[in-house]
Amino acid sequence: MTRDERVSAELMQWQLSRLVEGEAYEDYRFPLDQFGGANVSLVNTLTVTHPMVMPSDARNYLARLGQVGMRMDEAIAEAGRLAARRMIPPRFILRSTLAQMQHFIGTPAAQNPLVGIFAERMAGIGGLAADEREALRARAERIVADEVYPAWRKGIALLESIVPASTDDAGLWRFEAGARVYAHDLRRFTTTKLGPDEIHFIGLREVARLEGEMENVLRTLGRTRGTLEERTAALHRDLAYPNSEEGRAAIMGDIERILRDAEKRAVALFAETPKAPVVARPYPRFREASAAASYSFPAPDGSRPGTFQIPLRPSQLSRYGLRTLVYHETVPGHHFQIALEMENRALPRFRQLRTFGGISAYGEGWALYAERLAAESGWYQGDPQGLLGQLAAELFRARRLVVDTGLHTKRWTREQAIAYGIGPSEVERYVVFPGQACSYMIGLLRILELRERARGVLGERYSPKEFHHAVLATGTVPLELLEREVDAYIARAK
């Protein structure tokens, strides 16, 4: 058995064990929410991941669109079943989801993203006559008006009916099996055996360290008055784009410039770079209020690039932290990690395609490592505001450790979490996805630990290109498996 076959077998065993464990906790996953519910995932599948290259892709789009109403009906039925068992999300989650769903159906069908984005993407298809394009667009409009909107209205009616029975208690602690469910989620997302108290302590330690580093940079900028939050908020405002169409265009232009510059800089640190391109796009307007920046992987056949999406709500329209966000989501972050894995012919096909899904501690840990790597490699030279953005992003991930464990085991309220420095939409995300927010910092710290181990053992023989190859060529694995594979690389390099 080769190395890759052995790692693949162990990965499959690990993933299957998590799936089996997770079946016991399915009732704790509500199928309608503003982040990953059917009301979001169905739209994202069609507007982002559905290919649009050949005329048949446009026709297939309508076939998939015709199933959206049925899939939503299934999610609504499951939500009703859970609600009857008192498995109800917190009141603030229900209200946020309702606001998003109402916004989605608040425009004429012709202006809905399922129609508008479809029409935009069809324009780039060669061999599709103008009259057929219009006929397809009109058919999409009818499906949205006659099938999709009614399904959304049924979902809205269900959520409105259960709001009176909900409370603002946020964490899993409110359920009888909440402690077991959260332990499973932490194990699933961090791939470690760290408990909530240990993770809470790590978070407090890292918060203190990063706040100290930010204080030093702020003083060099002459920003010495006010709390850390007040000074960084002022910097965010000072670097803001206009909240206008011109401002939206300007930020997307800057993202493009940062992204292409990162591709040039990365050559010095990586032996391989992806063949698949990566592009940046804003989220559709209906998702701006609660969506987080995200990366969608490229199509294996090359028909779709990797896609970085950013919600252009006012809080995002700032240069403060923008470079770090681009590095995290694209180069050398998620795009490098995911696209290189897809292009790695040494891996079995099911691993190239991540058939069993991603592993957050590896993927998000790598993306946060990419942020740190850019800072260490001088990418912020002459840009202290940019460096502050990087430190703030890492501080944000450290605070996540404290808040996530606080919400789910220490009975923190939504208001306590916000007061600790986490925005409302982020707090809501941690409530919907328990444990996931802990994966970033835990993954970063383990990758840094492995890098320092390699440096310490190899000395002058240490090469960042070889270390990064060892991590990325391993592919998506739990941190325990990654540690073993890095140790094997160190032994070979000796």
Protein backbone atom coordinates (compact mmCIF):
# COMPACT_ATOMS: atom_id res chain seq x y z
CA MET A 1 0.00 0.00 0.00
CA THR A 2 1.41 3.38 -1.01
CA ARG A 3 1.55 6.38 1.31
CA ASP A 4 -1.40 8.07 -0.40
CA GLU A 5 -3.46 4.87 -0.30
CA ARG A 6 -2.75 4.47 3.42
CA VAL A 7 -3.63 8.08 4.20
CA SER A 8 -6.78 7.78 2.10
CA ALA A 9 -7.90 4.65 3.92
CA GLU A 10 -7.38 6.27 7.30
CA LEU A 11 -9.13 9.44 6.17
CA MET A 12 -12.13 7.44 4.95
CA GLN A 13 -12.32 5.62 8.28
CA TRP A 14 -12.15 8.92 10.18
CA GLN A 15 -14.80 10.59 8.01
CA LEU A 16 -17.18 7.65 8.20
CA SER A 17 -16.88 7.52 11.97
CA ARG A 18 -17.79 11.22 12.15
CA LEU A 19 -20.77 10.62 9.86
CA VAL A 20 -22.01 7.73 11.99
CA GLU A 21 -21.63 9.77 15.17
CA GLY A 22 -23.34 12.72 13.53
CA GLU A 23 -26.46 10.70 12.69
CA ALA A 24 -27.30 10.66 16.39
CA TYR A 25 -27.40 14.46 16.41
CA GLU A 26 -29.31 15.20 13.19
CA ASP A 27 -32.24 16.58 15.17
CA TYR A 28 -30.02 19.43 16.36
CA ARG A 29 -29.58 20.75 12.79
CA PHE A 30 -32.50 22.92 11.73
CA PRO A 31 -32.97 22.81 7.91
CA LEU A 32 -33.91 26.49 7.46
CA ASP A 33 -31.48 29.21 8.52
CA GLN A 34 -29.77 32.25 7.07
CA PHE A 35 -26.38 30.57 6.61
CA GLY A 36 -26.51 26.99 5.37
CA GLY A 37 -30.19 26.12 5.25
CA ALA A 38 -31.98 24.90 2.15
CA ASN A 39 -33.14 28.46 1.55
CA VAL A 40 -29.49 29.42 1.01
CA SER A 41 -27.82 26.28 -0.33
CA LEU A 42 -30.33 25.77 -3.15
CA VAL A 43 -29.83 29.31 -4.43
CA ASN A 44 -26.05 29.11 -4.09
CA THR A 45 -25.92 25.85 -6.04
CA LEU A 46 -27.69 27.42 -9.00
CA THR A 47 -26.16 30.90 -8.99
CA VAL A 48 -22.55 29.89 -8.20
CA THR A 49 -21.74 26.23 -8.76
CA HIS A 50 -24.02 25.24 -11.65
CA PRO A 51 -21.86 25.33 -14.83
CA MET A 52 -22.82 27.73 -17.60
CA VAL A 53 -20.53 26.99 -20.55
CA MET A 54 -22.57 25.13 -23.18
CA PRO A 55 -26.16 25.59 -24.37
CA SER A 56 -27.09 22.36 -22.58
CA ASP A 57 -25.96 23.92 -19.28
CA ALA A 58 -28.61 26.62 -19.63
CA ARG A 59 -31.31 24.05 -20.35
CA ASN A 60 -30.16 21.88 -17.45
CA TYR A 61 -30.34 24.95 -15.22
CA LEU A 62 -34.09 25.10 -15.80
CA ALA A 63 -34.40 21.40 -14.95
CA ARG A 64 -32.67 22.00 -11.63
CA LEU A 65 -34.59 25.19 -10.99
CA GLY A 66 -37.80 23.20 -11.45
CA GLN A 67 -36.81 21.04 -8.47
CA VAL A 68 -36.15 23.90 -6.05
CA GLY A 69 -39.75 24.07 -4.87
CA MET A 70 -39.78 20.33 -4.08
CA ARG A 71 -36.51 20.50 -2.18
CA MET A 72 -37.79 23.44 -0.15
CA ASP A 73 -41.00 21.53 0.64
CA GLU A 74 -38.87 18.70 2.01
CA ALA A 75 -36.90 21.11 4.20
CA ILE A 76 -40.11 22.72 5.44
CA ALA A 77 -41.56 19.32 6.36
CA GLU A 78 -38.41 18.45 8.32
CA ALA A 79 -38.44 21.83 10.05
CA GLY A 80 -42.06 21.26 11.06
CA ARG A 81 -41.20 17.83 12.46
CA LEU A 82 -38.41 19.26 14.59
CA ALA A 83 -40.52 22.18 15.77
CA ALA A 84 -43.19 19.73 16.95
CA ARG A 85 -40.48 18.15 19.14
CA ARG A 86 -39.47 21.55 20.53
CA MET A 87 -36.17 21.49 18.61
CA ILE A 88 -36.47 25.19 17.81
CA PRO A 89 -33.68 27.67 16.96
CA PRO A 90 -33.26 30.77 19.13
CA ARG A 91 -35.68 33.61 18.44
CA PHE A 92 -32.99 35.86 16.95
CA ILE A 93 -32.01 33.13 14.45
CA LEU A 94 -35.62 32.73 13.37
CA ARG A 95 -36.01 36.48 12.90
CA SER A 96 -32.79 36.82 10.90
CA THR A 97 -33.79 33.92 8.67
CA LEU A 98 -37.24 35.40 8.16
CA ALA A 99 -35.76 38.75 7.17
CA GLN A 100 -33.50 37.10 4.60
CA MET A 101 -36.26 34.94 3.13
CA GLN A 102 -38.64 37.90 2.91
CA HIS A 103 -35.96 39.92 1.13
CA PHE A 104 -35.46 37.06 -1.33
CA ILE A 105 -39.11 37.18 -2.44
CA GLY A 106 -39.42 40.94 -2.05
CA THR A 107 -38.70 41.78 -5.69
CA PRO A 108 -40.47 40.77 -8.92
CA ALA A 109 -39.36 37.36 -10.14
CA ALA A 110 -37.57 38.95 -13.09
CA GLN A 111 -35.18 40.66 -10.67
CA ASN A 112 -34.56 37.62 -8.48
CA PRO A 113 -30.95 36.29 -8.53
CA LEU A 114 -32.20 32.93 -9.83
CA VAL A 115 -33.32 34.79 -12.96
CA GLY A 116 -30.98 37.78 -13.17
CA ILE A 117 -27.72 35.88 -12.61
CA PHE A 118 -28.93 33.14 -14.96
CA ALA A 119 -29.46 35.73 -17.71
CA GLU A 120 -26.05 37.30 -17.09
CA ARG A 121 -24.24 33.97 -17.24
CA MET A 122 -26.12 32.83 -20.36
CA ALA A 123 -24.79 35.87 -22.21
CA GLY A 124 -21.34 34.27 -22.25
CA ILE A 125 -22.49 31.00 -23.84
CA GLY A 126 -21.52 30.64 -27.48
CA GLY A 127 -23.94 28.92 -29.81
CA LEU A 128 -27.03 29.99 -27.88
CA ALA A 129 -29.27 32.17 -30.05
CA ALA A 130 -30.67 35.38 -28.62
CA ASP A 131 -34.29 34.25 -28.97
CA GLU A 132 -33.60 30.99 -27.12
CA ARG A 133 -31.76 32.87 -24.38
CA GLU A 134 -34.81 35.06 -23.89
CA ALA A 135 -37.13 32.05 -23.91
CA LEU A 136 -35.02 30.32 -21.26
CA ARG A 137 -34.90 33.47 -19.14
CA ALA A 138 -38.67 33.87 -19.38
CA ARG A 139 -39.16 30.23 -18.36
CA ALA A 140 -36.90 30.77 -15.35
CA GLU A 141 -38.94 33.81 -14.39
CA ARG A 142 -42.18 31.78 -14.51
CA ILE A 143 -40.70 28.97 -12.39
CA VAL A 144 -39.52 31.45 -9.77
CA ALA A 145 -42.89 33.21 -9.67
CA ASP A 146 -45.09 30.10 -9.79
CA GLU A 147 -43.02 27.54 -7.82
CA VAL A 148 -40.07 29.05 -5.96
CA TYR A 149 -41.79 32.05 -4.38
CA PRO A 150 -44.76 29.98 -3.11
CA ALA A 151 -42.33 27.51 -1.49
CA TRP A 152 -40.51 30.38 0.23
CA ARG A 153 -43.84 31.76 1.47
CA LYS A 154 -44.66 28.37 3.02
CA GLY A 155 -41.29 28.37 4.77
CA ILE A 156 -41.87 31.91 6.03
CA ALA A 157 -45.29 30.94 7.36
CA LEU A 158 -43.81 27.99 9.27
CA LEU A 159 -41.03 30.07 10.83
CA GLU A 160 -43.48 32.80 11.80
CA SER A 161 -45.68 30.21 13.49
CA ILE A 162 -42.88 28.97 15.77
CA VAL A 163 -41.43 32.35 16.77
CA PRO A 164 -43.80 32.65 19.78
CA ALA A 165 -42.52 29.33 21.17
CA SER A 166 -38.84 30.31 20.82
CA THR A 167 -36.52 31.95 23.35
CA ASP A 168 -33.27 33.92 23.12
CA ASP A 169 -31.24 31.17 24.81
CA ALA A 170 -28.41 30.67 22.33
CA GLY A 171 -26.26 27.64 23.17
CA LEU A 172 -26.53 23.88 22.95
CA TRP A 173 -26.51 23.78 26.75
CA ARG A 174 -30.28 24.37 26.58
CA PHE A 175 -30.83 20.80 25.33
CA GLU A 176 -30.59 17.69 27.49
CA ALA A 177 -27.90 16.16 25.27
CA GLY A 178 -26.28 19.50 24.51
CA ALA A 179 -22.92 18.71 26.13
CA ARG A 180 -22.54 15.51 24.09
CA VAL A 181 -23.59 17.25 20.89
CA TYR A 182 -21.08 20.05 21.42
CA ALA A 183 -18.28 17.60 22.23
CA HIS A 184 -19.05 15.86 18.93
CA ASP A 185 -19.02 19.17 17.06
CA LEU A 186 -15.67 20.21 18.55
CA ARG A 187 -14.16 16.84 17.65
CA ARG A 188 -15.65 17.04 14.17
CA PHE A 189 -14.45 20.56 13.42
CA THR A 190 -11.11 20.78 15.26
CA THR A 191 -10.18 17.08 14.72
CA THR A 192 -8.55 17.17 18.16
CA LYS A 193 -9.57 15.88 21.58
CA LEU A 194 -9.46 19.34 23.12
CA GLY A 195 -12.42 20.02 25.39
CA PRO A 196 -14.37 23.27 25.64
CA ASP A 197 -12.51 24.46 28.76
CA GLU A 198 -9.11 23.90 27.11
CA ILE A 199 -10.21 25.71 23.95
CA HIS A 200 -11.65 28.56 26.01
CA PHE A 201 -8.28 28.99 27.78
CA ILE A 202 -6.32 28.91 24.50
CA GLY A 203 -8.61 31.62 23.22
CA LEU A 204 -8.07 33.85 26.24
CA ARG A 205 -4.29 33.42 25.94
CA GLU A 206 -4.21 34.26 22.22
CA VAL A 207 -6.53 37.24 22.67
CA ALA A 208 -4.18 38.76 25.23
CA ARG A 209 -1.14 38.23 22.97
CA LEU A 210 -2.72 39.68 19.85
CA GLU A 211 -4.21 42.68 21.62
CA GLY A 212 -0.70 43.51 22.83
CA GLU A 213 0.73 43.30 19.31
CA MET A 214 -2.04 45.49 17.92
CA GLU A 215 -1.46 48.06 20.65
CA ASN A 216 2.18 48.38 19.56
CA VAL A 217 1.27 48.96 15.89
CA LEU A 218 -1.46 51.46 16.77
CA ARG A 219 1.03 53.49 18.80
CA THR A 220 3.39 53.70 15.82
CA LEU A 221 0.48 55.23 13.88
CA GLY A 222 -0.14 57.77 16.63
CA ARG A 223 -3.51 56.26 17.49
CA THR A 224 -3.23 56.21 21.28
CA ARG A 225 -6.59 57.51 22.49
CA GLY A 226 -9.56 55.30 23.19
CA THR A 227 -10.00 51.57 23.56
CA LEU A 228 -8.58 49.09 21.08
CA GLU A 229 -12.05 48.64 19.60
CA GLU A 230 -12.62 52.38 19.26
CA ARG A 231 -9.28 52.95 17.52
CA THR A 232 -9.68 50.09 15.06
CA ALA A 233 -13.26 51.16 14.36
CA ALA A 234 -11.98 54.66 13.58
CA LEU A 235 -9.37 53.18 11.24
CA HIS A 236 -12.08 51.11 9.56
CA ARG A 237 -14.10 54.30 8.97
CA ASP A 238 -11.10 56.26 7.74
CA LEU A 239 -10.39 53.58 5.13
CA ALA A 240 -14.02 53.14 4.07
CA TYR A 241 -15.28 53.11 0.50
CA PRO A 242 -18.38 55.17 -0.35
CA ASN A 243 -21.59 53.23 0.24
CA SER A 244 -22.59 53.60 -3.40
CA GLU A 245 -22.31 51.86 -6.73
CA GLU A 246 -18.99 53.68 -7.24
CA GLY A 247 -17.75 52.39 -3.88
CA ARG A 248 -18.83 48.84 -4.72
CA ALA A 249 -17.00 49.03 -8.02
CA ALA A 250 -13.88 50.45 -6.33
CA ILE A 251 -13.63 47.68 -3.74
CA MET A 252 -14.03 44.97 -6.39
CA GLY A 253 -11.28 46.66 -8.42
CA ASP A 254 -8.95 46.69 -5.41
CA ILE A 255 -9.71 43.03 -4.69
CA GLU A 256 -8.68 42.18 -8.24
CA ARG A 257 -5.40 44.08 -7.83
CA ILE A 258 -4.60 42.44 -4.47
CA LEU A 259 -5.40 39.00 -5.81
CA ARG A 260 -3.17 39.25 -8.87
CA ASP A 261 -0.32 40.70 -6.80
CA ALA A 262 -0.63 37.78 -4.37
CA GLU A 263 -0.31 35.31 -7.23
CA LYS A 264 3.04 36.88 -8.19
CA ARG A 265 4.35 36.94 -4.62
CA ALA A 266 3.35 33.34 -3.90
CA VAL A 267 5.81 31.96 -6.45
CA ALA A 268 8.66 32.50 -3.96
CA LEU A 269 6.96 30.39 -1.27
CA PHE A 270 5.29 27.53 -3.17
CA ALA A 271 6.72 24.86 -5.43
CA GLU A 272 3.33 24.41 -7.15
CA THR A 273 0.52 26.82 -7.84
CA PRO A 274 -2.96 25.87 -9.12
CA LYS A 275 -3.71 25.66 -12.81
CA ALA A 276 -7.32 26.68 -12.13
CA PRO A 277 -7.92 30.44 -12.11
CA VAL A 278 -9.71 32.28 -9.33
CA VAL A 279 -12.13 35.21 -9.68
CA ALA A 280 -13.88 37.56 -7.24
CA ARG A 281 -17.58 38.43 -7.27
CA PRO A 282 -19.97 40.23 -4.93
CA TYR A 283 -22.80 38.28 -3.32
CA PRO A 284 -26.32 38.85 -4.66
CA ARG A 285 -28.01 41.68 -2.76
CA PHE A 286 -30.47 39.41 -0.93
CA ARG A 287 -27.58 37.70 0.88
CA GLU A 288 -25.54 40.77 1.78
CA ALA A 289 -27.00 41.25 5.26
CA SER A 290 -25.81 37.96 6.78
CA ALA A 291 -23.45 36.21 4.34
CA ALA A 292 -19.79 35.76 5.20
CA ALA A 293 -17.04 36.01 2.61
CA SER A 294 -16.51 32.60 1.05
CA TYR A 295 -14.67 30.58 -1.57
CA SER A 296 -16.28 28.09 -3.98
CA PHE A 297 -13.98 25.54 -5.60
CA PRO A 298 -13.42 25.37 -9.37
CA ALA A 299 -15.09 22.78 -11.57
CA PRO A 300 -12.90 19.68 -12.00
CA ASP A 301 -13.26 19.93 -15.79
CA GLY A 302 -12.07 23.54 -15.85
CA SER A 303 -15.45 24.96 -16.87
CA ARG A 304 -15.76 27.13 -13.75
CA PRO A 305 -12.99 29.02 -11.91
CA GLY A 306 -12.54 29.15 -8.18
CA THR A 307 -14.82 31.92 -6.92
CA PHE A 308 -14.31 34.30 -4.01
CA GLN A 309 -17.58 35.94 -2.94
CA ILE A 310 -17.80 38.98 -0.67
CA PRO A 311 -20.95 40.57 0.78
CA LEU A 312 -20.80 44.30 -0.01
CA ARG A 313 -22.76 45.50 3.02
CA PRO A 314 -21.55 48.78 4.58
CA SER A 315 -19.49 47.02 7.26
CA GLN A 316 -17.44 45.32 4.53
CA LEU A 317 -16.82 48.45 2.45
CA SER A 318 -13.40 49.28 3.87
CA ARG A 319 -9.76 48.79 2.94
CA TYR A 320 -9.08 47.85 6.57
CA GLY A 321 -8.55 44.09 6.58
CA LEU A 322 -9.34 43.72 2.88
CA ARG A 323 -5.93 42.38 1.87
CA THR A 324 -6.01 39.80 4.63
CA LEU A 325 -9.48 38.67 3.60
CA VAL A 326 -8.33 38.19 0.01
CA TYR A 327 -5.26 36.21 1.13
CA HIS A 328 -7.46 34.00 3.31
CA GLU A 329 -10.06 33.18 0.68
CA THR A 330 -7.87 33.02 -2.43
CA VAL A 331 -4.07 33.16 -2.67
CA PRO A 332 -2.36 31.57 -0.82
CA GLY A 333 -5.38 30.49 1.25
CA HIS A 334 -8.42 28.46 0.23
CA HIS A 335 -7.81 28.60 -3.51
CA PHE A 336 -4.31 27.17 -3.21
CA GLN A 337 -5.37 24.50 -0.73
CA ILE A 338 -8.52 23.32 -2.53
CA ALA A 339 -7.50 23.77 -6.16
CA LEU A 340 -4.12 22.07 -5.64
CA GLU A 341 -5.89 19.16 -3.97
CA MET A 342 -8.28 18.85 -6.92
CA GLU A 343 -5.33 18.85 -9.33
CA ASN A 344 -3.23 16.37 -7.33
CA ARG A 345 -3.27 13.24 -9.49
CA ALA A 346 -1.50 11.24 -6.76
CA LEU A 347 -4.69 11.35 -4.70
CA PRO A 348 -7.66 9.06 -5.36
CA ARG A 349 -10.48 10.76 -7.22
CA PHE A 350 -12.78 10.81 -4.19
CA ARG A 351 -10.16 12.80 -2.30
CA GLN A 352 -9.49 15.19 -5.16
CA LEU A 353 -13.21 15.98 -5.17
CA ARG A 354 -13.50 15.90 -1.35
CA THR A 355 -16.46 13.53 -1.67
CA PHE A 356 -16.81 13.27 2.10
CA GLY A 357 -16.62 17.04 2.49
CA GLY A 358 -13.92 19.27 3.88
CA ILE A 359 -12.25 19.22 7.27
CA SER A 360 -12.51 22.64 8.79
CA ALA A 361 -9.42 22.47 11.01
CA TYR A 362 -7.26 21.68 7.97
CA GLY A 363 -8.90 24.03 5.44
CA GLU A 364 -9.59 26.99 7.71
CA GLY A 365 -6.39 26.42 9.65
CA TRP A 366 -4.49 26.64 6.37
CA ALA A 367 -6.33 29.80 5.30
CA LEU A 368 -5.53 31.49 8.61
CA TYR A 369 -1.93 30.30 8.25
CA ALA A 370 -1.94 31.95 4.80
CA GLU A 371 -2.83 35.25 6.47
CA ARG A 372 0.06 34.88 8.93
CA LEU A 373 2.45 33.76 6.17
CA ALA A 374 1.76 36.89 4.13
CA ALA A 375 2.61 39.06 7.13
CA GLU A 376 5.77 37.11 7.94
CA SER A 377 6.88 37.28 4.31
CA GLY A 378 6.78 41.07 4.10
CA TRP A 379 3.64 41.40 2.01
CA TYR A 380 2.54 44.26 4.30
CA GLN A 381 5.84 46.10 4.17
CA GLY A 382 5.16 49.83 4.29
CA ASP A 383 1.49 49.18 5.09
CA PRO A 384 1.00 49.23 8.89
CA GLN A 385 -2.76 49.61 8.43
CA GLY A 386 -2.73 46.39 6.43
CA LEU A 387 -0.68 44.68 9.13
CA LEU A 388 -3.21 45.84 11.72
CA GLY A 389 -5.89 44.25 9.57
CA GLN A 390 -4.01 40.95 9.65
CA LEU A 391 -3.58 41.08 13.43
CA ALA A 392 -7.24 42.01 13.83
CA ALA A 393 -8.30 39.06 11.70
CA GLU A 394 -6.24 36.69 13.85
CA LEU A 395 -7.57 38.31 17.01
CA PHE A 396 -11.08 37.76 15.68
CA ARG A 397 -10.35 34.01 15.34
CA ALA A 398 -8.94 33.91 18.87
CA ARG A 399 -12.06 35.58 20.23
CA ARG A 400 -14.10 32.99 18.41
CA LEU A 401 -12.61 30.30 20.66
CA VAL A 402 -13.80 32.19 23.71
CA VAL A 403 -17.24 33.06 22.35
CA ASP A 404 -18.11 29.71 20.76
CA THR A 405 -17.30 27.79 23.94
CA GLY A 406 -18.92 30.53 25.99
CA LEU A 407 -22.20 30.31 24.08
CA HIS A 408 -22.48 26.54 24.08
CA THR A 409 -21.10 25.55 27.49
CA LYS A 410 -20.95 28.65 29.71
CA ARG A 411 -24.43 30.03 29.01
CA TRP A 412 -23.21 33.20 27.38
CA THR A 413 -25.95 35.28 25.82
CA ARG A 414 -25.93 36.79 22.36
CA GLU A 415 -25.36 40.19 23.99
CA GLN A 416 -22.32 38.93 25.95
CA ALA A 417 -20.77 37.56 22.78
CA ILE A 418 -21.31 40.85 20.94
CA ALA A 419 -19.83 42.80 23.85
CA TYR A 420 -16.70 40.61 23.63
CA GLY A 421 -16.05 41.94 20.13
CA ILE A 422 -17.93 39.60 17.80
CA GLY A 423 -20.49 41.05 15.39
CA PRO A 424 -24.16 40.00 15.53
CA SER A 425 -24.17 38.02 12.26
CA GLU A 426 -21.04 36.15 13.39
CA VAL A 427 -22.60 35.28 16.74
CA GLU A 428 -25.62 33.94 14.88
CA ARG A 429 -23.31 31.84 12.73
CA TYR A 430 -21.73 30.22 15.82
CA VAL A 431 -25.18 29.39 17.13
CA VAL A 432 -26.12 27.69 13.86
CA PHE A 433 -22.76 25.91 13.40
CA PRO A 434 -21.51 24.98 16.90
CA GLY A 435 -17.76 24.33 17.07
CA GLN A 436 -16.93 25.34 13.50
CA ALA A 437 -15.58 28.75 14.54
CA CYS A 438 -13.01 27.02 16.76
CA SER A 439 -11.39 25.21 13.84
CA TYR A 440 -9.54 28.26 12.44
CA MET A 441 -7.27 29.07 15.35
CA ILE A 442 -6.79 25.46 16.46
CA GLY A 443 -5.77 24.55 12.91
CA LEU A 444 -3.41 27.54 12.62
CA LEU A 445 -1.68 26.77 15.90
CA ARG A 446 -1.11 23.15 14.91
CA ILE A 447 0.33 24.07 11.48
CA LEU A 448 2.64 26.63 13.13
CA GLU A 449 3.70 24.02 15.67
CA LEU A 450 4.54 21.58 12.87
CA ARG A 451 6.46 24.25 10.96
CA GLU A 452 8.56 25.10 14.01
CA ARG A 453 9.22 21.40 14.53
CA ALA A 454 10.47 21.14 10.93
CA ARG A 455 12.66 24.23 11.33
CA GLY A 456 14.09 22.99 14.59
CA VAL A 457 15.02 19.57 13.24
CA LEU A 458 16.13 20.55 9.73
CA GLY A 459 17.92 23.81 10.50
CA GLU A 460 19.49 25.15 7.29
CA ARG A 461 17.88 22.35 5.31
CA TYR A 462 14.42 23.73 6.05
CA SER A 463 12.65 25.02 2.94
CA PRO A 464 9.28 26.82 3.07
CA LYS A 465 8.46 25.46 -0.38
CA GLU A 466 9.04 21.89 0.78
CA PHE A 467 7.09 22.39 4.02
CA HIS A 468 4.13 23.89 2.16
CA HIS A 469 4.29 21.05 -0.35
CA ALA A 470 4.24 18.50 2.49
CA VAL A 471 1.14 20.11 4.01
CA LEU A 472 -0.82 20.72 0.80
CA ALA A 473 0.15 17.51 -1.01
CA THR A 474 -1.20 15.52 1.93
CA GLY A 475 -4.64 16.84 1.08
CA THR A 476 -7.58 17.32 3.41
CA VAL A 477 -6.95 15.28 6.55
CA PRO A 478 -7.54 15.54 10.31
CA LEU A 479 -4.80 17.36 12.20
CA GLU A 480 -3.66 14.09 13.78
CA LEU A 481 -2.98 12.61 10.34
CA LEU A 482 -1.36 15.82 9.12
CA GLU A 483 1.06 15.75 12.04
CA ARG A 484 2.15 12.23 11.18
CA GLU A 485 2.67 13.08 7.51
CA VAL A 486 4.71 16.19 8.34
CA ASP A 487 6.84 14.10 10.69
CA ALA A 488 7.44 11.70 7.78
CA TYR A 489 8.47 14.64 5.55
CA ILE A 490 10.91 15.81 8.25
CA ALA A 491 12.42 12.33 8.46
CA ARG A 492 12.87 12.18 4.69
CA ALA A 493 14.38 15.68 4.54
CA LYS A 494 16.97 14.74 7.19
